[in-house]
């Protein structure tokens, strides 16, 4: 019984760790998206200056 409870706790901790990893990945993707938006705006300004 106690071993089963410990296994369930371990599984729960693993799922929490996985959730935190996914949150970190999502934040990384948001940062990448913001960087790409900035690059796009910068390129757009450069193109407008050339026209």
PDB file of N, CA and C in Angstrom:
ATOM      1  N   UNK A   1       0.815  -1.203   0.000  1.00  0.00           N
ATOM      2  CA  UNK A   1       0.000   0.000   0.000  1.00  0.00           C
ATOM      3  C   UNK A   1       0.855   1.262   0.000  1.00  0.00           C
ATOM      4  N   UNK A   2       1.847   1.300   0.902  1.00  0.00           N
ATOM      5  CA  UNK A   2       2.688   2.478   0.994  1.00  0.00           C
ATOM      6  C   UNK A   2       3.508   2.668  -0.284  1.00  0.00           C
ATOM      7  N   UNK A   3       3.930   1.565  -0.860  1.00  0.00           N
ATOM      8  CA  UNK A   3       4.693   1.644  -2.111  1.00  0.00           C
ATOM      9  C   UNK A   3       3.822   2.216  -3.224  1.00  0.00           C
ATOM     10  N   UNK A   4       2.551   1.819  -3.260  1.00  0.00           N
ATOM     11  CA  UNK A   4       1.630   2.362  -4.264  1.00  0.00           C
ATOM     12  C   UNK A   4       1.462   3.864  -4.085  1.00  0.00           C
ATOM     13  N   UNK A   5       1.326   4.307  -2.850  1.00  0.00           N
ATOM     14  CA  UNK A   5       1.170   5.739  -2.590  1.00  0.00           C
ATOM     15  C   UNK A   5       2.415   6.506  -3.024  1.00  0.00           C
ATOM     16  N   UNK A   6       3.578   5.933  -2.750  1.00  0.00           N
ATOM     17  CA  UNK A   6       4.822   6.591  -3.157  1.00  0.00           C
ATOM     18  C   UNK A   6       4.945   6.649  -4.672  1.00  0.00           C
ATOM     19  N   UNK A   7       4.498   5.591  -5.337  1.00  0.00           N
ATOM     20  CA  UNK A   7       4.524   5.576  -6.803  1.00  0.00           C
ATOM     21  C   UNK A   7       3.612   6.659  -7.356  1.00  0.00           C
ATOM     22  N   UNK A   8       2.440   6.794  -6.764  1.00  0.00           N
ATOM     23  CA  UNK A   8       1.493   7.829  -7.207  1.00  0.00           C
ATOM     24  C   UNK A   8       2.085   9.217  -6.977  1.00  0.00           C
ATOM     25  N   UNK A   9       2.728   9.429  -5.831  1.00  0.00           N
ATOM     26  CA  UNK A   9       3.369  10.710  -5.561  1.00  0.00           C
ATOM     27  C   UNK A   9       4.488  10.992  -6.555  1.00  0.00           C
ATOM     28  N   UNK A  10       5.271   9.978  -6.846  1.00  0.00           N
ATOM     29  CA  UNK A  10       6.366  10.139  -7.807  1.00  0.00           C
ATOM     30  C   UNK A  10       5.803  10.492  -9.182  1.00  0.00           C
ATOM     31  N   UNK A  11       4.730   9.829  -9.571  1.00  0.00           N
ATOM     32  CA  UNK A  11       4.094  10.127 -10.863  1.00  0.00           C
ATOM     33  C   UNK A  11       3.576  11.561 -10.894  1.00  0.00           C
ATOM     34  N   UNK A  12       2.984  11.995  -9.780  1.00  0.00           N
ATOM     35  CA  UNK A  12       2.470  13.364  -9.708  1.00  0.00           C
ATOM     36  C   UNK A  12       3.602  14.378  -9.832  1.00  0.00           C
ATOM     37  N   UNK A  13       4.715  14.108  -9.165  1.00  0.00           N
ATOM     38  CA  UNK A  13       5.864  15.017  -9.261  1.00  0.00           C
ATOM     39  C   UNK A  13       6.430  15.046 -10.683  1.00  0.00           C
ATOM     40  N   UNK A  14       6.442  13.894 -11.316  1.00  0.00           N
ATOM     41  CA  UNK A  14       6.911  13.836 -12.702  1.00  0.00           C
ATOM     42  C   UNK A  14       6.010  14.673 -13.599  1.00  0.00           C
ATOM     43  N   UNK A  15       4.705  14.563 -13.385  1.00  0.00           N
ATOM     44  CA  UNK A  15       3.767  15.359 -14.197  1.00  0.00           C
ATOM     45  C   UNK A  15       3.938  16.849 -13.926  1.00  0.00           C
ATOM     46  N   UNK A  16       4.192  17.222 -12.672  1.00  0.00           N
ATOM     47  CA  UNK A  16       4.437  18.630 -12.364  1.00  0.00           C
ATOM     48  C   UNK A  16       5.696  19.120 -13.067  1.00  0.00           C
ATOM     49  N   UNK A  17       6.730  18.302 -13.041  1.00  0.00           N
ATOM     50  CA  UNK A  17       7.973  18.664 -13.719  1.00  0.00           C
ATOM     51  C   UNK A  17       7.737  18.816 -15.221  1.00  0.00           C
ATOM     52  N   UNK A  18       6.963  17.902 -15.795  1.00  0.00           N
ATOM     53  CA  UNK A  18       6.641  17.993 -17.224  1.00  0.00           C
ATOM     54  C   UNK A  18       5.866  19.273 -17.524  1.00  0.00           C
ATOM     55  N   UNK A  19       4.924  19.613 -16.645  1.00  0.00           N
ATOM     56  CA  UNK A  19       4.142  20.833 -16.843  1.00  0.00           C
ATOM     57  C   UNK A  19       5.033  22.069 -16.788  1.00  0.00           C
ATOM     58  N   UNK A  20       5.979  22.094 -15.848  1.00  0.00           N
ATOM     59  CA  UNK A  20       6.903  23.226 -15.763  1.00  0.00           C
ATOM     60  C   UNK A  20       7.786  23.318 -17.002  1.00  0.00           C
ATOM     61  N   UNK A  21       8.200  22.176 -17.506  1.00  0.00           N
ATOM     62  CA  UNK A  21       9.001  22.160 -18.734  1.00  0.00           C
ATOM     63  C   UNK A  21       8.198  22.734 -19.898  1.00  0.00           C
ATOM     64  N   UNK A  22       6.933  22.347 -19.986  1.00  0.00           N
ATOM     65  CA  UNK A  22       6.085  22.868 -21.066  1.00  0.00           C
ATOM     66  C   UNK A  22       5.861  24.371 -20.916  1.00  0.00           C
ATOM     67  N   UNK A  23       5.711  24.846 -19.680  1.00  0.00           N
ATOM     68  CA  UNK A  23       5.566  26.285 -19.464  1.00  0.00           C
ATOM     69  C   UNK A  23       6.829  27.021 -19.904  1.00  0.00           C
ATOM     70  N   UNK A  24       7.985  26.464 -19.570  1.00  0.00           N
ATOM     71  CA  UNK A  24       9.250  27.075 -19.981  1.00  0.00           C
ATOM     72  C   UNK A  24       9.363  27.096 -21.501  1.00  0.00           C
ATOM     73  N   UNK A  25       8.962  26.010 -22.140  1.00  0.00           N
ATOM     74  CA  UNK A  25       8.997  25.953 -23.603  1.00  0.00           C
ATOM     75  C   UNK A  25       8.063  27.005 -24.203  1.00  0.00           C
ATOM     76  N   UNK A  26       6.888  27.167 -23.601  1.00  0.00           N
ATOM     77  CA  UNK A  26       5.934  28.164 -24.097  1.00  0.00           C
ATOM     78  C   UNK A  26       6.509  29.571 -23.965  1.00  0.00           C
ATOM     79  N   UNK A  27       7.164  29.856 -22.837  1.00  0.00           N
ATOM     80  CA  UNK A  27       7.782  31.171 -22.655  1.00  0.00           C
ATOM     81  C   UNK A  27       8.895  31.404 -23.667  1.00  0.00           C
ATOM     82  N   UNK A  28       9.662  30.350 -23.955  1.00  0.00           N
ATOM     83  CA  UNK A  28      10.721  30.461 -24.961  1.00  0.00           C
ATOM     84  C   UNK A  28      10.123  30.779 -26.326  1.00  0.00           C
ATOM     85  N   UNK A  29       9.024  30.108 -26.658  1.00  0.00           N
ATOM     86  CA  UNK A  29       8.373  30.373 -27.948  1.00  0.00           C
ATOM     87  C   UNK A  29       7.810  31.787 -28.008  1.00  0.00           C
ATOM     88  N   UNK A  30       7.268  32.275 -26.893  1.00  0.00           N
ATOM     89  CA  UNK A  30       6.779  33.655 -26.864  1.00  0.00           C
ATOM     90  C   UNK A  30       7.927  34.632 -27.086  1.00  0.00           C
ATOM     91  N   UNK A  31       9.048  34.383 -26.431  1.00  0.00           N
ATOM     92  CA  UNK A  31      10.213  35.251 -26.606  1.00  0.00           C
ATOM     93  C   UNK A  31      10.700  35.210 -28.054  1.00  0.00           C
ATOM     94  N   UNK A  32      10.721  34.029 -28.637  1.00  0.00           N
ATOM     95  CA  UNK A  32      11.130  33.899 -30.044  1.00  0.00           C
ATOM     96  C   UNK A  32      10.172  34.673 -30.953  1.00  0.00           C
ATOM     97  N   UNK A  33       8.881  34.571 -30.663  1.00  0.00           N
ATOM     98  CA  UNK A  33       7.895  35.276 -31.479  1.00  0.00           C
ATOM     99  C   UNK A  33       8.089  36.789 -31.377  1.00  0.00           C
ATOM    100  N   UNK A  34       8.342  37.275 -30.165  1.00  0.00           N
ATOM    101  CA  UNK A  34       8.577  38.710 -29.994  1.00  0.00           C
ATOM    102  C   UNK A  34       9.839  39.153 -30.737  1.00  0.00           C
ATOM    103  N   UNK A  35      10.875  38.332 -30.674  1.00  0.00           N
ATOM    104  CA  UNK A  35      12.113  38.655 -31.387  1.00  0.00           C
ATOM    105  C   UNK A  35      11.861  38.715 -32.887  1.00  0.00           C
ATOM    106  N   UNK A  36      11.102  37.747 -33.402  1.00  0.00           N
ATOM    107  CA  UNK A  36      10.799  37.730 -34.841  1.00  0.00           C
ATOM    108  C   UNK A  36       9.956  38.937 -35.242  1.00  0.00           C
ATOM    109  N   UNK A  37       9.019  39.331 -34.362  1.00  0.00           N
ATOM    110  CA  UNK A  37       8.213  40.525 -34.649  1.00  0.00           C
ATOM    111  C   UNK A  37       9.112  41.755 -34.734  1.00  0.00           C
ATOM    112  N   UNK A  38      10.059  41.839 -33.792  1.00  0.00           N
ATOM    113  CA  UNK A  38      10.982  42.969 -33.801  1.00  0.00           C
ATOM    114  C   UNK A  38      11.821  43.000 -35.062  1.00  0.00           C
ATOM    115  N   UNK A  39      12.304  41.844 -35.476  1.00  0.00           N
ATOM    116  CA  UNK A  39      13.104  41.753 -36.708  1.00  0.00           C
ATOM    117  C   UNK A  39      12.243  42.157 -37.905  1.00  0.00           C
ATOM    118  N   UNK A  40      10.995  41.680 -37.918  1.00  0.00           N
ATOM    119  CA  UNK A  40      10.090  42.024 -39.018  1.00  0.00           C
ATOM    120  C   UNK A  40       9.827  43.518 -39.098  1.00  0.00           C
ATOM    121  N   UNK A  41       9.618  44.152 -37.952  1.00  0.00           N
ATOM    122  CA  UNK A  41       9.374  45.603 -37.945  1.00  0.00           C
ATOM    123  C   UNK A  41      10.613  46.356 -38.395  1.00  0.00           C
ATOM    124  N   UNK A  42      11.778  45.915 -37.913  1.00  0.00           N
ATOM    125  CA  UNK A  42      13.036  46.560 -38.306  1.00  0.00           C
ATOM    126  C   UNK A  42      13.237  46.444 -39.816  1.00  0.00           C
ATOM    127  N   UNK A  43      13.025  45.249 -40.362  1.00  0.00           N
ATOM    128  CA  UNK A  43      13.180  45.047 -41.808  1.00  0.00           C
ATOM    129  C   UNK A  43      12.190  45.892 -42.585  1.00  0.00           C
ATOM    130  N   UNK A  44      10.961  46.000 -42.055  1.00  0.00           N
ATOM    131  CA  UNK A  44       9.938  46.798 -42.717  1.00  0.00           C
ATOM    132  C   UNK A  44      10.351  48.264 -42.765  1.00  0.00           C
ATOM    133  N   UNK A  45      10.910  48.760 -41.655  1.00  0.00           N
ATOM    134  CA  UNK A  45      11.373  50.149 -41.630  1.00  0.00           C
ATOM    135  C   UNK A  45      12.504  50.364 -42.636  1.00  0.00           C
ATOM    136  N   UNK A  46      13.412  49.408 -42.720  1.00  0.00           N
ATOM    137  CA  UNK A  46      14.528  49.531 -43.660  1.00  0.00           C
ATOM    138  C   UNK A  46      14.019  49.551 -45.105  1.00  0.00           C
ATOM    139  N   UNK A  47      13.047  48.695 -45.388  1.00  0.00           N
ATOM    140  CA  UNK A  47      12.487  48.646 -46.745  1.00  0.00           C
ATOM    141  C   UNK A  47      11.798  49.953 -47.074  1.00  0.00           C
ATOM    142  N   UNK A  48      11.040  50.503 -46.106  1.00  0.00           N
ATOM    143  CA  UNK A  48      10.345  51.763 -46.340  1.00  0.00           C
ATOM    144  C   UNK A  48      11.327  52.901 -46.587  1.00  0.00           C
ATOM    145  N   UNK A  49      12.484  52.872 -45.924  1.00  0.00           N
ATOM    146  CA  UNK A  49      13.498  53.903 -46.148  1.00  0.00           C
ATOM    147  C   UNK A  49      14.104  53.818 -47.538  1.00  0.00           C
ATOM    148  N   UNK A  50      14.160  52.586 -48.074  1.00  0.00           N
ATOM    149  CA  UNK A  50      14.756  52.396 -49.401  1.00  0.00           C
ATOM    150  C   UNK A  50      13.801  52.835 -50.505  1.00  0.00           C
ATOM    151  N   UNK A  51      12.515  52.861 -50.203  1.00  0.00           N
ATOM    152  CA  UNK A  51      11.531  53.201 -51.258  1.00  0.00           C
ATOM    153  C   UNK A  51      11.429  54.679 -51.502  1.00  0.00           C
TER     154      UNK A  51
END
